[in-house]
Every structure is written in structure tokens, then in C-alpha cells.
PDB file of N, CA and C in Angstrom:
ATOM      1  N   MET A   1      24.189  89.862 132.173  1.00  0.00           N
ATOM      2  CA  MET A   1      24.432  88.995 133.306  1.00  0.00           C
ATOM      3  C   MET A   1      23.412  89.173 134.296  1.00  0.00           C
ATOM      4  N   LYS A   2      22.896  88.098 134.848  1.00  0.00           N
ATOM      5  CA  LYS A   2      21.946  88.159 135.892  1.00  0.00           C
ATOM      6  C   LYS A   2      22.681  88.407 137.272  1.00  0.00           C
ATOM      7  N   GLY A   3      22.063  89.157 138.132  1.00  0.00           N
ATOM      8  CA  GLY A   3      22.668  89.404 139.434  1.00  0.00           C
ATOM      9  C   GLY A   3      22.394  90.869 139.812  1.00  0.00           C
ATOM     10  N   GLN A   4      22.696  91.151 141.005  1.00  0.00           N
ATOM     11  CA  GLN A   4      22.360  92.493 141.451  1.00  0.00           C
ATOM     12  C   GLN A   4      23.583  93.070 142.191  1.00  0.00           C
ATOM     13  N   VAL A   5      23.857  94.354 142.036  1.00  0.00           N
ATOM     14  CA  VAL A   5      24.887  95.063 142.740  1.00  0.00           C
ATOM     15  C   VAL A   5      24.171  96.184 143.514  1.00  0.00           C
ATOM     16  N   LYS A   6      24.384  96.344 144.813  1.00  0.00           N
ATOM     17  CA  LYS A   6      23.852  97.388 145.635  1.00  0.00           C
ATOM     18  C   LYS A   6      24.968  98.153 146.187  1.00  0.00           C
ATOM     19  N   TYR A   7      25.040  99.436 145.829  1.00  0.00           N
ATOM     20  CA  TYR A   7      26.110 100.319 146.278  1.00  0.00           C
ATOM     21  C   TYR A   7      25.852 100.680 147.771  1.00  0.00           C
ATOM     22  N   GLN A   8      26.872 100.536 148.589  1.00  0.00           N
ATOM     23  CA  GLN A   8      26.786 100.849 150.017  1.00  0.00           C
ATOM     24  C   GLN A   8      27.351 102.195 150.340  1.00  0.00           C
ATOM     25  N   GLY A   9      28.230 102.698 149.499  1.00  0.00           N
ATOM     26  CA  GLY A   9      28.803 104.010 149.694  1.00  0.00           C
ATOM     27  C   GLY A   9      30.052 104.186 148.905  1.00  0.00           C
ATOM     28  N   ILE A  10      30.419 105.475 148.804  1.00  0.00           N
ATOM     29  CA  ILE A  10      31.695 105.966 148.146  1.00  0.00           C
ATOM     30  C   ILE A  10      32.435 106.914 149.023  1.00  0.00           C
ATOM     31  N   CYS A  11      33.666 106.589 149.360  1.00  0.00           N
ATOM     32  CA  CYS A  11      34.497 107.407 150.277  1.00  0.00           C
ATOM     33  C   CYS A  11      35.696 107.926 149.541  1.00  0.00           C
ATOM     34  N   ARG A  12      36.085 109.103 149.889  1.00  0.00           N
ATOM     35  CA  ARG A  12      37.376 109.750 149.429  1.00  0.00           C
ATOM     36  C   ARG A  12      38.408 109.580 150.588  1.00  0.00           C
ATOM     37  N   THR A  13      39.611 109.140 150.219  1.00  0.00           N
ATOM     38  CA  THR A  13      40.579 108.907 151.259  1.00  0.00           C
ATOM     39  C   THR A  13      41.948 109.530 150.798  1.00  0.00           C
ATOM     40  N   PRO A  14      42.776 109.973 151.776  1.00  0.00           N
ATOM     41  CA  PRO A  14      44.076 110.374 151.444  1.00  0.00           C
ATOM     42  C   PRO A  14      44.974 109.146 151.287  1.00  0.00           C
ATOM     43  N   GLY A  15      46.068 109.232 150.539  1.00  0.00           N
ATOM     44  CA  GLY A  15      46.996 108.111 150.493  1.00  0.00           C
ATOM     45  C   GLY A  15      46.785 107.253 149.296  1.00  0.00           C
ATOM     46  N   LYS A  16      47.140 105.930 149.455  1.00  0.00           N
ATOM     47  CA  LYS A  16      47.229 105.024 148.326  1.00  0.00           C
ATOM     48  C   LYS A  16      45.855 104.929 147.642  1.00  0.00           C
ATOM     49  N   PHE A  17      44.782 104.825 148.377  1.00  0.00           N
ATOM     50  CA  PHE A  17      43.457 104.651 147.834  1.00  0.00           C
ATOM     51  C   PHE A  17      42.710 105.958 147.778  1.00  0.00           C
ATOM     52  N   ASP A  18      42.610 106.585 146.677  1.00  0.00           N
ATOM     53  CA  ASP A  18      41.880 107.919 146.526  1.00  0.00           C
ATOM     54  C   ASP A  18      40.435 107.785 146.753  1.00  0.00           C
ATOM     55  N   THR A  19      39.870 106.751 146.273  1.00  0.00           N
ATOM     56  CA  THR A  19      38.466 106.477 146.368  1.00  0.00           C
ATOM     57  C   THR A  19      38.092 105.029 146.759  1.00  0.00           C
ATOM     58  N   ILE A  20      37.280 104.806 147.610  1.00  0.00           N
ATOM     59  CA  ILE A  20      36.826 103.500 147.960  1.00  0.00           C
ATOM     60  C   ILE A  20      35.295 103.387 147.619  1.00  0.00           C
ATOM     61  N   VAL A  21      34.960 102.413 146.841  1.00  0.00           N
ATOM     62  CA  VAL A  21      33.543 102.162 146.471  1.00  0.00           C
ATOM     63  C   VAL A  21      33.146 100.885 147.235  1.00  0.00           C
ATOM     64  N   MET A  22      32.139 100.989 148.035  1.00  0.00           N
ATOM     65  CA  MET A  22      31.666  99.741 148.780  1.00  0.00           C
ATOM     66  C   MET A  22      30.407  99.345 148.144  1.00  0.00           C
ATOM     67  N   PHE A  23      30.277  98.035 147.836  1.00  0.00           N
ATOM     68  CA  PHE A  23      29.016  97.464 147.261  1.00  0.00           C
ATOM     69  C   PHE A  23      28.838  96.077 147.651  1.00  0.00           C
ATOM     70  N   GLU A  24      27.644  95.650 147.575  1.00  0.00           N
ATOM     71  CA  GLU A  24      27.349  94.192 147.800  1.00  0.00           C
ATOM     72  C   GLU A  24      26.870  93.668 146.487  1.00  0.00           C
ATOM     73  N   ALA A  25      27.251  92.455 146.167  1.00  0.00           N
ATOM     74  CA  ALA A  25      26.785  91.757 144.948  1.00  0.00           C
ATOM     75  C   ALA A  25      26.171  90.509 145.227  1.00  0.00           C
ATOM     76  N   SER A  26      25.284  89.970 144.385  1.00  0.00           N
ATOM     77  CA  SER A  26      24.643  88.743 144.621  1.00  0.00           C
ATOM     78  C   SER A  26      25.539  87.525 144.685  1.00  0.00           C
ATOM     79  N   ASN A  27      26.700  87.651 144.005  1.00  0.00           N
ATOM     80  CA  ASN A  27      27.736  86.639 144.059  1.00  0.00           C
ATOM     81  C   ASN A  27      29.049  87.187 143.522  1.00  0.00           C
ATOM     82  N   GLU A  28      30.117  86.459 143.670  1.00  0.00           N
ATOM     83  CA  GLU A  28      31.459  87.004 143.281  1.00  0.00           C
ATOM     84  C   GLU A  28      31.591  87.220 141.797  1.00  0.00           C
ATOM     85  N   LYS A  29      30.999  86.426 141.014  1.00  0.00           N
ATOM     86  CA  LYS A  29      31.044  86.638 139.557  1.00  0.00           C
ATOM     87  C   LYS A  29      30.397  88.012 139.137  1.00  0.00           C
ATOM     88  N   VAL A  30      29.299  88.314 139.756  1.00  0.00           N
ATOM     89  CA  VAL A  30      28.591  89.609 139.401  1.00  0.00           C
ATOM     90  C   VAL A  30      29.492  90.763 139.943  1.00  0.00           C
ATOM     91  N   ALA A  31      30.137  90.543 141.128  1.00  0.00           N
ATOM     92  CA  ALA A  31      31.014  91.640 141.701  1.00  0.00           C
ATOM     93  C   ALA A  31      32.242  91.896 140.716  1.00  0.00           C
ATOM     94  N   MET A  32      32.865  90.845 140.288  1.00  0.00           N
ATOM     95  CA  MET A  32      34.005  90.948 139.405  1.00  0.00           C
ATOM     96  C   MET A  32      33.621  91.554 138.108  1.00  0.00           C
ATOM     97  N   ASN A  33      32.497  91.143 137.539  1.00  0.00           N
ATOM     98  CA  ASN A  33      32.054  91.681 136.239  1.00  0.00           C
ATOM     99  C   ASN A  33      31.847  93.214 136.401  1.00  0.00           C
ATOM    100  N   MET A  34      31.237  93.631 137.514  1.00  0.00           N
ATOM    101  CA  MET A  34      30.970  95.089 137.662  1.00  0.00           C
ATOM    102  C   MET A  34      32.380  95.784 137.762  1.00  0.00           C
ATOM    103  N   ALA A  35      33.308  95.287 138.535  1.00  0.00           N
ATOM    104  CA  ALA A  35      34.610  95.903 138.653  1.00  0.00           C
ATOM    105  C   ALA A  35      35.417  95.925 137.357  1.00  0.00           C
ATOM    106  N   LEU A  36      35.323  94.851 136.630  1.00  0.00           N
ATOM    107  CA  LEU A  36      36.118  94.784 135.394  1.00  0.00           C
ATOM    108  C   LEU A  36      35.593  95.752 134.301  1.00  0.00           C
ATOM    109  N   ARG A  37      34.301  96.017 134.338  1.00  0.00           N
ATOM    110  CA  ARG A  37      33.794  97.022 133.337  1.00  0.00           C
ATOM    111  C   ARG A  37      34.343  98.443 133.617  1.00  0.00           C
ATOM    112  N   ARG A  38      34.984  98.719 134.745  1.00  0.00           N
ATOM    113  CA  ARG A  38      35.464 100.032 135.085  1.00  0.00           C
ATOM    114  C   ARG A  38      36.982 100.134 134.941  1.00  0.00           C
ATOM    115  N   LEU A  39      37.643  99.149 134.378  1.00  0.00           N
ATOM    116  CA  LEU A  39      39.105  99.129 134.384  1.00  0.00           C
ATOM    117  C   LEU A  39      39.566 100.191 133.341  1.00  0.00           C
ATOM    118  N   ASP A  40      38.832 100.533 132.369  1.00  0.00           N
ATOM    119  CA  ASP A  40      39.321 101.562 131.360  1.00  0.00           C
ATOM    120  C   ASP A  40      39.341 102.913 132.015  1.00  0.00           C
ATOM    121  N   ARG A  41      38.622 103.149 133.124  1.00  0.00           N
ATOM    122  CA  ARG A  41      38.652 104.512 133.711  1.00  0.00           C
ATOM    123  C   ARG A  41      39.447 104.629 134.946  1.00  0.00           C
ATOM    124  N   MET A  42      40.015 103.548 135.526  1.00  0.00           N
ATOM    125  CA  MET A  42      40.680 103.645 136.787  1.00  0.00           C
ATOM    126  C   MET A  42      41.608 102.446 137.010  1.00  0.00           C
ATOM    127  N   ASP A  43      42.542 102.611 137.893  1.00  0.00           N
ATOM    128  CA  ASP A  43      43.287 101.475 138.418  1.00  0.00           C
ATOM    129  C   ASP A  43      42.563 100.995 139.603  1.00  0.00           C
ATOM    130  N   THR A  44      42.424  99.660 139.680  1.00  0.00           N
ATOM    131  CA  THR A  44      41.619  99.097 140.790  1.00  0.00           C
ATOM    132  C   THR A  44      42.327  98.060 141.611  1.00  0.00           C
ATOM    133  N   GLU A  45      41.879  97.865 142.762  1.00  0.00           N
ATOM    134  CA  GLU A  45      42.259  96.728 143.636  1.00  0.00           C
ATOM    135  C   GLU A  45      41.017  96.271 144.270  1.00  0.00           C
ATOM    136  N   LYS A  46      40.723  95.028 144.228  1.00  0.00           N
ATOM    137  CA  LYS A  46      39.554  94.392 144.784  1.00  0.00           C
ATOM    138  C   LYS A  46      39.869  93.751 146.098  1.00  0.00           C
ATOM    139  N   LEU A  47      39.096  94.129 147.077  1.00  0.00           N
ATOM    140  CA  LEU A  47      39.249  93.517 148.367  1.00  0.00           C
ATOM    141  C   LEU A  47      37.874  93.021 148.912  1.00  0.00           C
ATOM    142  N   VAL A  48      37.862  91.859 149.519  1.00  0.00           N
ATOM    143  CA  VAL A  48      36.739  91.274 150.102  1.00  0.00           C
ATOM    144  C   VAL A  48      36.660  91.669 151.575  1.00  0.00           C
ATOM    145  N   VAL A  49      35.551  92.162 152.033  1.00  0.00           N
ATOM    146  CA  VAL A  49      35.411  92.644 153.447  1.00  0.00           C
ATOM    147  C   VAL A  49      34.398  91.726 154.121  1.00  0.00           C
ATOM    148  N   VAL A  50      34.842  91.195 155.268  1.00  0.00           N
ATOM    149  CA  VAL A  50      33.949  90.418 156.100  1.00  0.00           C
ATOM    150  C   VAL A  50      33.775  91.223 157.389  1.00  0.00           C
ATOM    151  N   PRO A  51      32.513  91.622 157.678  1.00  0.00           N
ATOM    152  CA  PRO A  51      32.271  92.400 158.913  1.00  0.00           C
ATOM    153  C   PRO A  51      32.520  91.554 160.181  1.00  0.00           C
ATOM    154  N   ALA A  52      33.080  92.223 161.197  1.00  0.00           N
ATOM    155  CA  ALA A  52      33.313  91.541 162.451  1.00  0.00           C
ATOM    156  C   ALA A  52      31.938  91.641 163.237  1.00  0.00           C
ATOM    157  N   ASP A  53      31.614  90.527 163.881  1.00  0.00           N
ATOM    158  CA  ASP A  53      30.355  90.544 164.637  1.00  0.00           C
ATOM    159  C   ASP A  53      30.632  90.702 166.094  1.00  0.00           C
ATOM    160  N   GLU A  54      29.674  90.912 166.885  1.00  0.00           N
ATOM    161  CA  GLU A  54      29.816  91.090 168.303  1.00  0.00           C
ATOM    162  C   GLU A  54      30.484  89.930 169.013  1.00  0.00           C
ATOM    163  N   GLY A  55      30.375  88.718 168.558  1.00  0.00           N
ATOM    164  CA  GLY A  55      30.967  87.565 169.178  1.00  0.00           C
ATOM    165  C   GLY A  55      32.402  87.321 168.835  1.00  0.00           C
ATOM    166  N   SER A  56      32.938  88.089 167.880  1.00  0.00           N
ATOM    167  CA  SER A  56      34.272  87.851 167.360  1.00  0.00           C
ATOM    168  C   SER A  56      35.266  88.501 168.397  1.00  0.00           C
ATOM    169  N   PRO A  57      36.422  87.891 168.605  1.00  0.00           N
ATOM    170  CA  PRO A  57      37.446  88.450 169.383  1.00  0.00           C
ATOM    171  C   PRO A  57      37.928  89.787 168.921  1.00  0.00           C
ATOM    172  N   ALA A  58      37.886  89.994 167.651  1.00  0.00           N
ATOM    173  CA  ALA A  58      38.318  91.277 166.970  1.00  0.00           C
ATOM    174  C   ALA A  58      37.085  92.209 166.724  1.00  0.00           C
ATOM    175  N   GLY A  59      35.911  91.803 167.255  1.00  0.00           N
ATOM    176  CA  GLY A  59      34.682  92.499 166.964  1.00  0.00           C
ATOM    177  C   GLY A  59      34.703  94.007 167.355  1.00  0.00           C
ATOM    178  N   PRO A  60      33.580  94.682 167.127  1.00  0.00           N
ATOM    179  CA  PRO A  60      33.550  96.078 167.380  1.00  0.00           C
ATOM    180  C   PRO A  60      33.766  96.465 168.858  1.00  0.00           C
ATOM    181  N   THR A  61      34.374  97.570 169.061  1.00  0.00           N
ATOM    182  CA  THR A  61      34.655  98.042 170.417  1.00  0.00           C
ATOM    183  C   THR A  61      33.537  98.934 170.966  1.00  0.00           C
TER     184      THR A  61
END
């Protein structure tokens, strides 16, 4: 499949999500394909993250 995935980081967390893998993909189809290839090794939940910008009412403090 054509497309690119760029890993942004991997974090370990306590609680429900033991590991969070952050990545950027060239499109949603590429992102889902990458995530689906790993289903045999882990339980997953996919979340889309939209960064808050300076102009947003909920933006960074």
C-alpha cells in the first residue's frame, strides 16, 4: 500500500491504556492499515487527535 507512517512517539501509561503509540499517516486508510496489522499482538483502540492551536478557546495554556 502506498503511503507513509511517521512515528511521533511511544509512551507508557498507568491505567486503561498501557502503551500509547503516536503516529502521523499520509491518510486515514494508511493509518488504519498500519493499526490493523498489529491486532494479532495487542488489543487496540484508535483515536484521532487534533492539536489545539493558540487561537482556540481550549488552546494551550
